[in-house]
């Protein structure tokens, strides 16, 4: 029983720490974005100045304003607190943020998916009541 408890505690600890390494809340936005619809990602962290942020997309660390890399296009500027992106293809995407503040240089990453508007459907849940007419 002690081994099981120890294993459970270690497994939970690993899950908690591994989750905090990616999408830790520094970058706020939707994990799933819809193809062709602009989405915004922002950070609550304060950099040294208003335009001292560096957003990069899909592991392309030289991406800049109005550039398309893989499944995303940067809409507008990539140096402000908020990044606007437009999904250009279905698939996975990554967003990387770098900024400096009085405590030093910081980075954060965010992973998500681009889905087609056709993949998003709403289905009505209905309950059908069937009356049993059999006599017992």
C-alpha atoms as a PDB file:
ATOM      1  CA  UNK A   1       0.000   0.000   0.000  1.00  0.00           C
ATOM      2  CA  UNK A   2       2.902   2.364   0.758  1.00  0.00           C
ATOM      3  CA  UNK A   3       4.403   1.731  -2.690  1.00  0.00           C
ATOM      4  CA  UNK A   4       1.064   2.463  -4.354  1.00  0.00           C
ATOM      5  CA  UNK A   5       0.646   5.720  -2.410  1.00  0.00           C
ATOM      6  CA  UNK A   6       4.205   6.789  -3.195  1.00  0.00           C
ATOM      7  CA  UNK A   7       3.716   5.989  -6.893  1.00  0.00           C
ATOM      8  CA  UNK A   8       0.459   7.927  -6.968  1.00  0.00           C
ATOM      9  CA  UNK A   9       2.024  10.976  -5.323  1.00  0.00           C
ATOM     10  CA  UNK A  10       4.996  10.886  -7.713  1.00  0.00           C
ATOM     11  CA  UNK A  11       2.712  10.519 -10.741  1.00  0.00           C
ATOM     12  CA  UNK A  12       0.555  13.452  -9.653  1.00  0.00           C
ATOM     13  CA  UNK A  13       3.637  15.558  -8.971  1.00  0.00           C
ATOM     14  CA  UNK A  14       5.024  14.768 -12.414  1.00  0.00           C
ATOM     15  CA  UNK A  15       1.710  15.658 -14.082  1.00  0.00           C
ATOM     16  CA  UNK A  16       1.457  18.970 -12.266  1.00  0.00           C
ATOM     17  CA  UNK A  17       5.030  20.027 -13.033  1.00  0.00           C
ATOM     18  CA  UNK A  18       4.930  18.904 -16.658  1.00  0.00           C
ATOM     19  CA  UNK A  19       1.681  20.828 -17.240  1.00  0.00           C
ATOM     20  CA  UNK A  20       3.178  23.989 -15.798  1.00  0.00           C
ATOM     21  CA  UNK A  21       6.034  23.920 -18.308  1.00  0.00           C
ATOM     22  CA  UNK A  22       3.740  24.517 -21.280  1.00  0.00           C
ATOM     23  CA  UNK A  23       0.827  26.928 -21.521  1.00  0.00           C
ATOM     24  CA  UNK A  24       1.468  28.102 -17.957  1.00  0.00           C
ATOM     25  CA  UNK A  25      -0.899  31.054 -18.150  1.00  0.00           C
ATOM     26  CA  UNK A  26       1.642  33.633 -19.286  1.00  0.00           C
ATOM     27  CA  UNK A  27       0.010  33.632 -22.733  1.00  0.00           C
ATOM     28  CA  UNK A  28      -3.778  33.847 -22.673  1.00  0.00           C
ATOM     29  CA  UNK A  29      -5.860  32.709 -25.647  1.00  0.00           C
ATOM     30  CA  UNK A  30      -7.911  29.855 -27.048  1.00  0.00           C
ATOM     31  CA  UNK A  31      -6.264  26.462 -27.577  1.00  0.00           C
ATOM     32  CA  UNK A  32      -8.515  25.909 -30.600  1.00  0.00           C
ATOM     33  CA  UNK A  33      -8.901  28.580 -33.255  1.00  0.00           C
ATOM     34  CA  UNK A  34     -11.096  28.503 -36.348  1.00  0.00           C
ATOM     35  CA  UNK A  35      -9.621  28.649 -39.842  1.00  0.00           C
ATOM     36  CA  UNK A  36     -10.011  32.122 -41.354  1.00  0.00           C
ATOM     37  CA  UNK A  37     -11.110  33.863 -38.133  1.00  0.00           C
ATOM     38  CA  UNK A  38      -8.733  36.267 -36.409  1.00  0.00           C
ATOM     39  CA  UNK A  39      -7.793  35.294 -32.848  1.00  0.00           C
ATOM     40  CA  UNK A  40      -5.953  37.263 -30.185  1.00  0.00           C
ATOM     41  CA  UNK A  41      -3.341  36.162 -27.687  1.00  0.00           C
ATOM     42  CA  UNK A  42      -2.185  38.390 -24.892  1.00  0.00           C
ATOM     43  CA  UNK A  43      -0.030  38.429 -21.796  1.00  0.00           C
ATOM     44  CA  UNK A  44      -0.552  40.011 -18.397  1.00  0.00           C
ATOM     45  CA  UNK A  45       3.198  40.320 -17.903  1.00  0.00           C
ATOM     46  CA  UNK A  46       4.686  43.814 -17.968  1.00  0.00           C
ATOM     47  CA  UNK A  47       7.699  44.361 -20.203  1.00  0.00           C
ATOM     48  CA  UNK A  48      10.073  47.328 -19.930  1.00  0.00           C
ATOM     49  CA  UNK A  49       8.023  49.279 -22.464  1.00  0.00           C
ATOM     50  CA  UNK A  50       4.717  49.035 -24.337  1.00  0.00           C
ATOM     51  CA  UNK A  51       6.287  47.659 -27.510  1.00  0.00           C
ATOM     52  CA  UNK A  52       9.060  45.539 -25.940  1.00  0.00           C
ATOM     53  CA  UNK A  53       7.434  42.168 -26.616  1.00  0.00           C
ATOM     54  CA  UNK A  54       8.584  39.733 -29.306  1.00  0.00           C
ATOM     55  CA  UNK A  55       5.958  37.271 -30.520  1.00  0.00           C
ATOM     56  CA  UNK A  56       7.003  34.430 -32.830  1.00  0.00           C
ATOM     57  CA  UNK A  57       4.859  31.775 -34.504  1.00  0.00           C
ATOM     58  CA  UNK A  58       5.397  28.113 -35.417  1.00  0.00           C
ATOM     59  CA  UNK A  59       8.988  27.959 -34.130  1.00  0.00           C
ATOM     60  CA  UNK A  60      10.134  30.618 -36.601  1.00  0.00           C
ATOM     61  CA  UNK A  61      12.063  32.982 -34.368  1.00  0.00           C
ATOM     62  CA  UNK A  62      12.461  35.663 -37.023  1.00  0.00           C
ATOM     63  CA  UNK A  63       8.732  36.003 -37.775  1.00  0.00           C
ATOM     64  CA  UNK A  64       7.563  39.598 -37.986  1.00  0.00           C
ATOM     65  CA  UNK A  65       4.629  41.880 -38.773  1.00  0.00           C
ATOM     66  CA  UNK A  66       2.092  40.609 -41.327  1.00  0.00           C
ATOM     67  CA  UNK A  67       4.065  37.432 -42.047  1.00  0.00           C
ATOM     68  CA  UNK A  68       2.616  33.953 -42.662  1.00  0.00           C
ATOM     69  CA  UNK A  69       4.482  30.973 -41.214  1.00  0.00           C
ATOM     70  CA  UNK A  70       2.891  27.532 -41.541  1.00  0.00           C
ATOM     71  CA  UNK A  71      -0.669  27.575 -40.214  1.00  0.00           C
ATOM     72  CA  UNK A  72      -0.680  31.193 -38.928  1.00  0.00           C
ATOM     73  CA  UNK A  73      -0.371  34.739 -40.175  1.00  0.00           C
ATOM     74  CA  UNK A  74       0.546  37.612 -37.864  1.00  0.00           C
ATOM     75  CA  UNK A  75      -2.008  40.399 -38.302  1.00  0.00           C
ATOM     76  CA  UNK A  76      -0.479  43.786 -37.544  1.00  0.00           C
ATOM     77  CA  UNK A  77       2.500  44.092 -35.243  1.00  0.00           C
ATOM     78  CA  UNK A  78       4.299  41.476 -33.155  1.00  0.00           C
ATOM     79  CA  UNK A  79       5.860  43.835 -30.587  1.00  0.00           C
ATOM     80  CA  UNK A  80       2.882  44.762 -28.412  1.00  0.00           C
ATOM     81  CA  UNK A  81       1.216  43.074 -25.428  1.00  0.00           C
ATOM     82  CA  UNK A  82      -1.474  41.529 -27.664  1.00  0.00           C
ATOM     83  CA  UNK A  83      -0.838  39.450 -30.783  1.00  0.00           C
ATOM     84  CA  UNK A  84      -3.483  39.052 -33.489  1.00  0.00           C
ATOM     85  CA  UNK A  85      -3.185  35.964 -35.670  1.00  0.00           C
ATOM     86  CA  UNK A  86      -5.191  34.621 -38.578  1.00  0.00           C
ATOM     87  CA  UNK A  87      -5.167  30.844 -39.084  1.00  0.00           C
ATOM     88  CA  UNK A  88      -4.342  29.990 -42.712  1.00  0.00           C
ATOM     89  CA  UNK A  89      -4.363  26.164 -42.647  1.00  0.00           C
ATOM     90  CA  UNK A  90      -5.750  23.362 -40.495  1.00  0.00           C
ATOM     91  CA  UNK A  91      -3.235  21.812 -38.092  1.00  0.00           C
ATOM     92  CA  UNK A  92      -1.257  22.543 -34.962  1.00  0.00           C
ATOM     93  CA  UNK A  93       0.391  25.844 -34.135  1.00  0.00           C
ATOM     94  CA  UNK A  94       2.771  27.287 -31.594  1.00  0.00           C
ATOM     95  CA  UNK A  95       3.236  30.802 -30.301  1.00  0.00           C
ATOM     96  CA  UNK A  96       6.368  31.934 -28.500  1.00  0.00           C
ATOM     97  CA  UNK A  97       6.703  35.124 -26.446  1.00  0.00           C
ATOM     98  CA  UNK A  98       9.932  36.800 -25.339  1.00  0.00           C
ATOM     99  CA  UNK A  99      10.146  39.935 -23.230  1.00  0.00           C
ATOM    100  CA  UNK A 100      12.403  41.690 -20.744  1.00  0.00           C
ATOM    101  CA  UNK A 101      11.449  43.306 -17.475  1.00  0.00           C
ATOM    102  CA  UNK A 102      13.326  44.505 -14.401  1.00  0.00           C
ATOM    103  CA  UNK A 103      13.864  40.871 -13.323  1.00  0.00           C
ATOM    104  CA  UNK A 104      15.451  39.754 -16.612  1.00  0.00           C
ATOM    105  CA  UNK A 105      14.662  37.958 -19.863  1.00  0.00           C
ATOM    106  CA  UNK A 106      11.559  35.743 -19.994  1.00  0.00           C
ATOM    107  CA  UNK A 107      10.035  33.355 -22.508  1.00  0.00           C
ATOM    108  CA  UNK A 108       6.728  31.524 -22.741  1.00  0.00           C
ATOM    109  CA  UNK A 109       5.210  29.092 -25.230  1.00  0.00           C
ATOM    110  CA  UNK A 110       1.664  28.232 -26.227  1.00  0.00           C
ATOM    111  CA  UNK A 111       0.437  25.281 -28.307  1.00  0.00           C
ATOM    112  CA  UNK A 112      -2.918  24.945 -30.027  1.00  0.00           C
ATOM    113  CA  UNK A 113      -4.925  23.644 -32.977  1.00  0.00           C
ATOM    114  CA  UNK A 114      -6.492  25.237 -36.027  1.00  0.00           C
ATOM    115  CA  UNK A 115      -9.782  23.596 -36.993  1.00  0.00           C
ATOM    116  CA  UNK A 116     -12.028  23.986 -40.004  1.00  0.00           C
ATOM    117  CA  UNK A 117     -15.404  25.694 -39.492  1.00  0.00           C
ATOM    118  CA  UNK A 118     -16.982  22.486 -40.849  1.00  0.00           C
ATOM    119  CA  UNK A 119     -15.546  20.516 -37.911  1.00  0.00           C
ATOM    120  CA  UNK A 120     -17.522  22.595 -35.446  1.00  0.00           C
ATOM    121  CA  UNK A 121     -21.086  21.422 -35.399  1.00  0.00           C
ATOM    122  CA  UNK A 122     -23.804  21.760 -32.848  1.00  0.00           C
ATOM    123  CA  UNK A 123     -25.952  18.766 -32.233  1.00  0.00           C
ATOM    124  CA  UNK A 124     -29.162  18.846 -30.311  1.00  0.00           C
ATOM    125  CA  UNK A 125     -29.455  16.361 -27.558  1.00  0.00           C
ATOM    126  CA  UNK A 126     -32.922  14.934 -27.438  1.00  0.00           C
ATOM    127  CA  UNK A 127     -34.508  12.387 -25.215  1.00  0.00           C
ATOM    128  CA  UNK A 128     -36.896   9.998 -26.831  1.00  0.00           C
ATOM    129  CA  UNK A 129     -39.494   8.376 -24.633  1.00  0.00           C
ATOM    130  CA  UNK A 130     -40.662   5.003 -25.851  1.00  0.00           C
ATOM    131  CA  UNK A 131     -43.754   3.676 -24.226  1.00  0.00           C
ATOM    132  CA  UNK A 132     -43.787  -0.079 -23.693  1.00  0.00           C
ATOM    133  CA  UNK A 133     -47.265  -1.404 -24.480  1.00  0.00           C
ATOM    134  CA  UNK A 134     -46.554  -4.989 -23.592  1.00  0.00           C
ATOM    135  CA  UNK A 135     -48.838  -6.461 -20.987  1.00  0.00           C
ATOM    136  CA  UNK A 136     -47.267  -8.498 -18.261  1.00  0.00           C
END
